[in-house]
N, C-alpha and C. Protein backbone atom coordinates (compact mmCIF):
# COMPACT_ATOMS: atom_id res chain seq x y z
N MET A 1 9.04 -21.90 -14.73
CA MET A 1 10.11 -21.88 -15.73
C MET A 1 9.61 -20.91 -16.86
N SER A 2 8.79 -20.22 -16.83
CA SER A 2 8.47 -19.66 -17.83
C SER A 2 8.98 -18.00 -18.05
N ALA A 3 9.86 -17.51 -16.75
CA ALA A 3 10.26 -16.11 -16.79
C ALA A 3 11.09 -15.82 -17.81
N PRO A 4 12.07 -16.77 -18.23
CA PRO A 4 13.17 -16.26 -18.87
C PRO A 4 12.47 -16.40 -20.43
N HIS A 5 11.25 -16.29 -20.82
CA HIS A 5 10.39 -16.02 -22.35
C HIS A 5 9.53 -14.78 -21.94
N ARG A 6 9.61 -14.06 -21.07
CA ARG A 6 9.14 -12.92 -20.82
C ARG A 6 9.87 -11.36 -21.36
N THR A 7 8.90 -10.89 -21.82
CA THR A 7 9.70 -9.62 -22.26
C THR A 7 10.04 -8.43 -21.17
N PRO A 8 10.76 -7.98 -21.41
CA PRO A 8 11.33 -6.68 -20.23
C PRO A 8 9.60 -5.91 -19.72
N LEU A 9 8.85 -5.22 -20.77
CA LEU A 9 7.60 -4.94 -20.40
C LEU A 9 7.00 -5.86 -19.42
N SER A 10 6.30 -7.15 -19.96
CA SER A 10 5.96 -8.01 -18.67
C SER A 10 6.62 -8.09 -17.47
N GLN A 11 7.83 -8.15 -17.72
CA GLN A 11 8.27 -8.57 -16.27
C GLN A 11 7.84 -7.47 -15.43
N VAL A 12 7.86 -5.97 -15.84
CA VAL A 12 7.76 -4.70 -15.40
C VAL A 12 6.25 -4.44 -14.88
N ARG A 13 5.08 -5.00 -15.72
CA ARG A 13 4.00 -4.93 -15.18
C ARG A 13 3.60 -6.58 -14.10
N GLY A 14 4.60 -7.04 -13.94
CA GLY A 14 4.27 -7.78 -13.23
C GLY A 14 4.42 -7.38 -11.28
N LEU A 15 4.92 -6.02 -11.30
CA LEU A 15 4.77 -4.94 -10.53
C LEU A 15 5.65 -5.64 -9.31
N GLY A 16 6.84 -6.36 -9.56
CA GLY A 16 8.03 -6.71 -8.53
C GLY A 16 7.87 -7.19 -7.10
N ALA A 17 9.19 -7.35 -6.62
CA ALA A 17 8.70 -8.10 -5.34
C ALA A 17 7.42 -7.87 -4.24
N ALA A 18 7.42 -6.24 -3.96
CA ALA A 18 6.22 -5.46 -3.47
C ALA A 18 4.86 -5.44 -4.04
N ARG A 19 5.11 -5.88 -5.02
CA ARG A 19 3.24 -5.64 -5.46
C ARG A 19 2.41 -4.50 -5.63
N SER A 20 3.42 -3.55 -5.40
CA SER A 20 2.89 -2.31 -5.57
C SER A 20 3.41 -1.35 -7.04
N GLY A 21 4.41 -1.99 -7.85
CA GLY A 21 4.99 -1.40 -9.09
C GLY A 21 5.20 0.33 -8.93
N THR A 22 4.54 1.05 -9.53
CA THR A 22 4.87 2.44 -9.85
C THR A 22 3.97 2.91 -8.99
N SER A 23 2.97 2.74 -8.32
CA SER A 23 2.11 3.80 -7.72
C SER A 23 2.62 4.87 -7.21
N HIS A 24 3.72 4.93 -6.23
CA HIS A 24 4.33 5.88 -5.45
C HIS A 24 4.72 6.96 -6.58
N PHE A 25 5.61 6.48 -7.35
CA PHE A 25 5.82 7.35 -8.90
C PHE A 25 4.87 8.21 -9.34
N TRP A 26 3.11 7.31 -9.67
CA TRP A 26 2.81 7.88 -10.26
C TRP A 26 1.63 8.92 -9.52
N GLN A 27 1.84 8.48 -8.00
CA GLN A 27 1.02 9.30 -6.63
C GLN A 27 2.11 10.72 -6.66
N GLN A 28 3.41 10.38 -6.48
CA GLN A 28 4.00 11.44 -6.92
C GLN A 28 4.08 12.99 -7.65
N ARG A 29 4.14 12.07 -8.70
CA ARG A 29 3.71 12.89 -10.35
C ARG A 29 2.27 13.52 -10.25
N VAL A 30 1.32 13.11 -10.07
CA VAL A 30 0.37 13.90 -9.82
C VAL A 30 0.03 14.79 -9.14
N THR A 31 0.14 14.50 -8.15
CA THR A 31 0.54 15.26 -6.94
C THR A 31 1.69 16.73 -7.05
N SER A 32 2.75 16.56 -7.66
CA SER A 32 3.57 17.40 -8.81
C SER A 32 2.75 18.55 -9.29
N VAL A 33 2.27 17.88 -10.77
CA VAL A 33 1.25 18.29 -11.49
C VAL A 33 0.06 19.48 -10.56
N ALA A 34 -0.35 18.71 -9.63
CA ALA A 34 -1.67 19.56 -9.00
C ALA A 34 -0.46 20.60 -8.14
N LEU A 35 0.13 20.57 -7.65
CA LEU A 35 0.62 21.90 -6.60
C LEU A 35 1.31 22.74 -7.95
N ILE A 36 1.54 22.44 -8.93
CA ILE A 36 1.55 23.48 -10.06
C ILE A 36 0.70 24.99 -9.66
N SER A 37 -0.37 24.44 -10.13
CA SER A 37 -1.60 25.65 -10.44
C SER A 37 -2.03 26.18 -8.97
N LEU A 38 -2.36 24.77 -7.83
CA LEU A 38 -2.57 25.33 -6.90
C LEU A 38 -1.19 26.25 -5.86
N SER A 39 0.12 26.28 -6.35
CA SER A 39 1.39 26.83 -6.09
C SER A 39 1.08 28.47 -6.29
N ILE A 40 0.69 28.59 -7.60
CA ILE A 40 0.32 29.74 -8.11
C ILE A 40 -1.10 29.92 -7.76
N ALA A 41 -2.03 29.65 -7.40
CA ALA A 41 -3.49 30.66 -6.74
C ALA A 41 -2.46 30.77 -5.15
N PHE A 42 -1.80 29.99 -4.33
CA PHE A 42 -1.41 30.32 -3.37
C PHE A 42 -0.44 31.40 -2.93
N VAL A 43 0.15 31.43 -3.93
CA VAL A 43 1.30 33.03 -4.30
C VAL A 43 0.53 34.27 -4.32
N ILE A 44 -0.30 33.99 -5.51
CA ILE A 44 -1.70 34.92 -5.64
C ILE A 44 -2.24 35.37 -4.34
N ILE A 45 -2.90 34.53 -3.65
CA ILE A 45 -3.60 34.88 -2.71
C ILE A 45 -2.30 35.45 -0.88
N VAL A 46 -1.65 34.71 -1.28
CA VAL A 46 -0.41 35.67 -0.21
C VAL A 46 0.14 36.73 -0.91
N LEU A 47 0.34 36.85 -2.43
CA LEU A 47 0.18 38.58 -2.89
C LEU A 47 -0.71 39.56 -2.41
N LEU A 48 -2.14 39.14 -2.35
CA LEU A 48 -3.34 39.72 -2.27
C LEU A 48 -3.31 40.43 -0.78
N LEU A 49 -2.91 39.53 0.42
CA LEU A 49 -2.84 39.47 1.72
C LEU A 49 -1.64 40.69 1.75
N LEU A 50 -0.98 41.03 1.25
CA LEU A 50 0.30 42.22 1.70
C LEU A 50 -0.16 43.30 1.78
N GLY A 51 0.22 44.23 3.16
CA GLY A 51 -0.52 45.60 3.42
C GLY A 51 -1.87 45.37 3.46
N ARG A 52 -2.40 44.57 3.61
CA ARG A 52 -3.77 44.74 4.39
C ARG A 52 -4.10 44.82 6.27
N THR A 53 -5.18 44.88 6.75
CA THR A 53 -5.08 44.96 7.73
C THR A 53 -5.66 43.36 8.03
N HIS A 54 -5.44 43.21 9.32
CA HIS A 54 -6.34 41.95 9.80
C HIS A 54 -7.54 41.93 9.60
N ALA A 55 -8.12 42.51 9.50
CA ALA A 55 -9.51 42.19 9.28
C ALA A 55 -9.91 41.99 7.95
N GLY A 56 -8.85 42.75 7.32
CA GLY A 56 -8.90 42.35 5.71
C GLY A 56 -8.16 41.03 5.38
N VAL A 57 -7.15 40.80 6.51
CA VAL A 57 -6.81 39.37 6.14
C VAL A 57 -7.50 38.17 6.20
N ILE A 58 -8.24 38.57 7.34
CA ILE A 58 -9.81 37.35 7.80
C ILE A 58 -10.77 37.28 6.61
N GLN A 59 -10.91 38.45 6.40
CA GLN A 59 -12.00 38.51 5.37
C GLN A 59 -11.72 37.71 3.90
N ILE A 60 -10.53 37.79 3.60
CA ILE A 60 -10.24 37.20 2.40
C ILE A 60 -9.78 36.07 2.39
N LEU A 61 -8.99 35.45 3.48
CA LEU A 61 -8.94 34.07 3.90
C LEU A 61 -10.38 33.37 4.25
N GLY A 62 -11.19 34.17 4.88
CA GLY A 62 -12.37 33.50 4.95
C GLY A 62 -13.39 33.32 3.99
N SER A 63 -13.12 34.00 2.74
CA SER A 63 -13.83 33.37 1.47
C SER A 63 -13.97 31.87 0.79
N PRO A 64 -15.09 31.18 0.55
CA PRO A 64 -15.47 30.58 0.62
C PRO A 64 -14.00 29.42 -0.26
N ILE A 65 -13.94 30.89 -1.58
CA ILE A 65 -13.34 29.82 -2.71
C ILE A 65 -12.06 29.72 -2.00
N VAL A 66 -11.48 31.23 -1.49
CA VAL A 66 -10.05 31.18 -0.94
C VAL A 66 -9.73 29.99 0.10
N ALA A 67 -10.55 29.74 1.00
CA ALA A 67 -10.64 28.53 1.83
C ALA A 67 -10.37 27.19 0.78
N ILE A 68 -11.09 26.59 0.32
CA ILE A 68 -11.03 25.64 -0.33
C ILE A 68 -9.91 25.62 -1.78
N LEU A 69 -9.19 26.79 -1.83
CA LEU A 69 -8.15 26.53 -2.63
C LEU A 69 -7.09 26.26 -1.75
N MET A 70 -6.97 26.88 -0.30
CA MET A 70 -5.80 26.81 0.27
C MET A 70 -6.33 25.29 1.21
N LEU A 71 -7.33 24.77 1.54
CA LEU A 71 -7.86 23.78 1.99
C LEU A 71 -6.65 22.55 1.11
N LEU A 72 -7.70 22.74 -0.28
CA LEU A 72 -6.18 21.69 -1.21
C LEU A 72 -4.90 22.13 -1.40
N PHE A 73 -4.29 23.09 -1.45
CA PHE A 73 -3.13 23.23 -1.00
C PHE A 73 -2.44 22.44 0.25
N ILE A 74 -3.21 22.44 1.18
CA ILE A 74 -2.44 21.81 2.27
C ILE A 74 -2.65 20.53 2.13
N PHE A 75 -3.75 19.57 1.67
CA PHE A 75 -3.85 18.36 1.44
C PHE A 75 -3.04 17.91 0.74
N THR A 76 -2.63 18.56 -0.60
CA THR A 76 -1.85 18.71 -1.43
C THR A 76 -0.53 18.05 -1.11
N THR A 77 -0.07 19.46 -0.99
CA THR A 77 1.06 19.81 -0.08
C THR A 77 1.46 18.47 0.90
N ALA A 78 0.81 18.55 1.72
CA ALA A 78 0.92 17.32 3.18
C ALA A 78 1.43 15.65 2.54
N TYR A 79 0.23 15.41 1.67
CA TYR A 79 0.48 14.25 1.09
C TYR A 79 1.81 13.93 -0.14
N HIS A 80 2.14 14.63 -0.82
CA HIS A 80 3.10 14.83 -1.70
C HIS A 80 4.24 15.19 -0.68
N MET A 81 4.48 15.73 0.47
CA MET A 81 5.63 15.74 1.16
C MET A 81 5.95 14.26 2.31
N TRP A 82 4.70 13.46 2.32
CA TRP A 82 4.61 12.15 3.16
C TRP A 82 5.17 11.54 2.08
N LEU A 83 4.78 11.10 0.69
CA LEU A 83 5.16 10.42 -0.70
C LEU A 83 6.61 10.72 -0.59
N GLY A 84 7.10 11.67 -0.73
CA GLY A 84 8.27 12.38 -0.86
C GLY A 84 9.66 11.61 -0.32
N MET A 85 9.18 11.76 1.36
CA MET A 85 9.81 11.64 2.45
C MET A 85 9.75 9.88 2.56
N GLN A 86 8.57 9.30 2.58
CA GLN A 86 8.76 8.03 2.51
C GLN A 86 9.75 7.60 1.28
N GLU A 87 10.10 7.93 0.14
CA GLU A 87 10.86 6.90 -0.58
C GLU A 87 12.12 7.43 -0.22
N ILE A 88 12.70 8.52 0.17
CA ILE A 88 13.79 8.91 0.47
C ILE A 88 14.32 8.20 1.97
N ILE A 89 13.47 7.35 2.88
CA ILE A 89 13.55 6.45 3.86
C ILE A 89 13.36 5.40 3.50
N ILE A 90 12.70 4.84 2.86
CA ILE A 90 13.16 4.11 1.83
C ILE A 90 14.09 3.80 1.46
N ASP A 91 14.95 4.78 0.83
CA ASP A 91 15.85 4.14 -0.19
C ASP A 91 16.81 4.52 0.68
N TYR A 92 17.13 5.26 1.45
CA TYR A 92 18.51 5.68 1.75
C TYR A 92 18.81 4.85 3.52
N ILE A 93 17.82 4.62 4.25
CA ILE A 93 18.11 3.82 5.30
C ILE A 93 18.04 2.67 5.33
N HIS A 94 18.59 1.82 5.80
CA HIS A 94 19.15 0.52 5.41
C HIS A 94 18.78 -0.65 6.99
N ASP A 95 18.72 0.17 8.09
CA ASP A 95 18.43 -0.41 9.27
C ASP A 95 16.81 -0.50 9.29
N ASP A 96 16.42 -1.95 9.76
CA ASP A 96 14.77 -1.82 9.70
C ASP A 96 14.32 -1.31 10.88
N TRP A 97 14.94 -1.07 12.07
CA TRP A 97 14.48 -0.61 13.09
C TRP A 97 14.29 1.46 13.05
N MET A 98 15.60 1.62 12.14
CA MET A 98 15.26 2.71 11.92
C MET A 98 14.37 3.38 11.13
N LYS A 99 14.44 2.46 10.12
CA LYS A 99 13.50 2.79 9.13
C LYS A 99 11.59 2.51 9.18
N LEU A 100 11.83 1.98 10.34
CA LEU A 100 10.42 2.13 10.60
C LEU A 100 10.16 2.82 11.86
N MET A 101 11.12 3.50 12.46
CA MET A 101 10.48 4.69 13.09
C MET A 101 10.51 5.70 12.51
N LEU A 102 11.66 6.12 11.54
CA LEU A 102 11.79 7.32 10.43
C LEU A 102 10.39 7.16 9.94
N LEU A 103 9.74 6.20 9.15
CA LEU A 103 8.39 6.05 8.44
C LEU A 103 7.04 6.25 9.50
N MET A 104 6.82 6.02 10.96
CA MET A 104 6.44 6.28 11.67
C MET A 104 6.57 7.91 11.86
N THR A 105 7.57 8.27 12.11
CA THR A 105 7.33 9.71 12.73
C THR A 105 7.27 10.93 11.16
N ASN A 106 7.68 10.40 10.30
CA ASN A 106 6.96 11.13 8.88
C ASN A 106 5.62 11.27 8.72
N THR A 107 5.03 10.09 9.20
CA THR A 107 3.35 9.69 8.88
C THR A 107 2.43 10.94 9.82
N PHE A 108 3.46 10.85 11.15
CA PHE A 108 2.56 11.86 12.27
C PHE A 108 3.12 12.85 12.17
N PHE A 109 4.33 13.69 11.55
CA PHE A 109 4.40 14.68 11.51
C PHE A 109 3.92 15.30 10.32
N CYS A 110 3.35 14.91 9.14
CA CYS A 110 2.81 14.95 7.63
C CYS A 110 1.24 15.73 8.30
N CYS A 111 1.29 14.18 9.52
CA CYS A 111 -0.58 14.49 9.96
C CYS A 111 -0.81 15.99 10.51
N ALA A 112 0.30 15.86 11.36
CA ALA A 112 0.17 16.95 12.30
C ALA A 112 0.36 18.31 11.52
N VAL A 113 0.94 18.70 10.84
CA VAL A 113 1.44 19.57 9.79
C VAL A 113 0.04 20.01 8.84
N GLY A 114 -0.55 19.05 8.46
CA GLY A 114 -1.34 18.76 7.93
C GLY A 114 -3.11 19.51 8.69
N LEU A 115 -2.71 18.70 9.30
CA LEU A 115 -3.87 19.28 10.63
C LEU A 115 -3.83 20.78 10.97
N ALA A 116 -3.04 21.04 11.38
CA ALA A 116 -2.66 22.17 12.39
C ALA A 116 -3.16 23.32 11.35
N CYS A 117 -2.85 23.26 9.75
CA CYS A 117 -2.88 24.13 8.99
C CYS A 117 -4.38 23.80 8.42
N THR A 118 -4.78 23.06 8.78
CA THR A 118 -6.50 22.89 7.95
C THR A 118 -7.24 23.52 9.10
N PHE A 119 -6.83 23.28 10.63
CA PHE A 119 -7.40 23.86 11.20
C PHE A 119 -7.94 25.60 11.79
N ALA A 120 -6.35 25.66 11.42
CA ALA A 120 -6.20 27.68 10.77
C ALA A 120 -7.08 27.94 9.92
N ILE A 121 -7.15 26.89 8.74
CA ILE A 121 -8.04 27.78 7.65
C ILE A 121 -9.61 27.80 8.09
N LEU A 122 -9.83 26.67 8.77
CA LEU A 122 -11.72 26.31 8.88
C LEU A 122 -11.75 27.31 10.28
N LYS A 123 -10.86 27.39 11.02
CA LYS A 123 -10.91 28.49 11.99
C LYS A 123 -11.41 29.57 11.21
N LEU A 124 -10.41 30.34 10.95
CA LEU A 124 -10.79 31.44 10.22
C LEU A 124 -12.10 31.81 8.79
N SER A 125 -12.32 30.68 8.29
CA SER A 125 -13.45 30.27 7.19
C SER A 125 -14.73 30.43 7.80
N PHE A 126 -15.08 29.65 9.37
CA PHE A 126 -16.03 29.92 10.18
C PHE A 126 -16.16 30.82 10.98
N THR A 127 -15.23 31.54 11.46
CA THR A 127 -15.38 32.39 12.87
C THR A 127 -15.84 34.03 11.64
N VAL A 128 -16.10 34.17 10.18
CA VAL A 128 -15.99 35.36 9.65
C VAL A 128 -17.85 35.67 9.57
């Protein structure tokens, strides 16, 4: 019976029916901010690769600092993509069976893309 006496802020802090509150919102925003600097680094790395020979590209991408930046970019992008698509599926798909299948497909796709990119960077990094 104390619910009518609660302020709107205290109701929001109650975390709603799902008990997850705004965690997806904040995770999406944090990965967005992280991707700003990582995307700038990614574009600079790609620009450095333009006009290089195959050996030059492997040498640049095999550098530890470049490999770490690329891995951070891959992990953050894959996680950001997973969160964004998850929110879209939850918001706009109303059939429970279809929602479950799409959420599982989203998870598998994001993991596959992230692992493939990670494998490529690690292979380049450790074969130099």
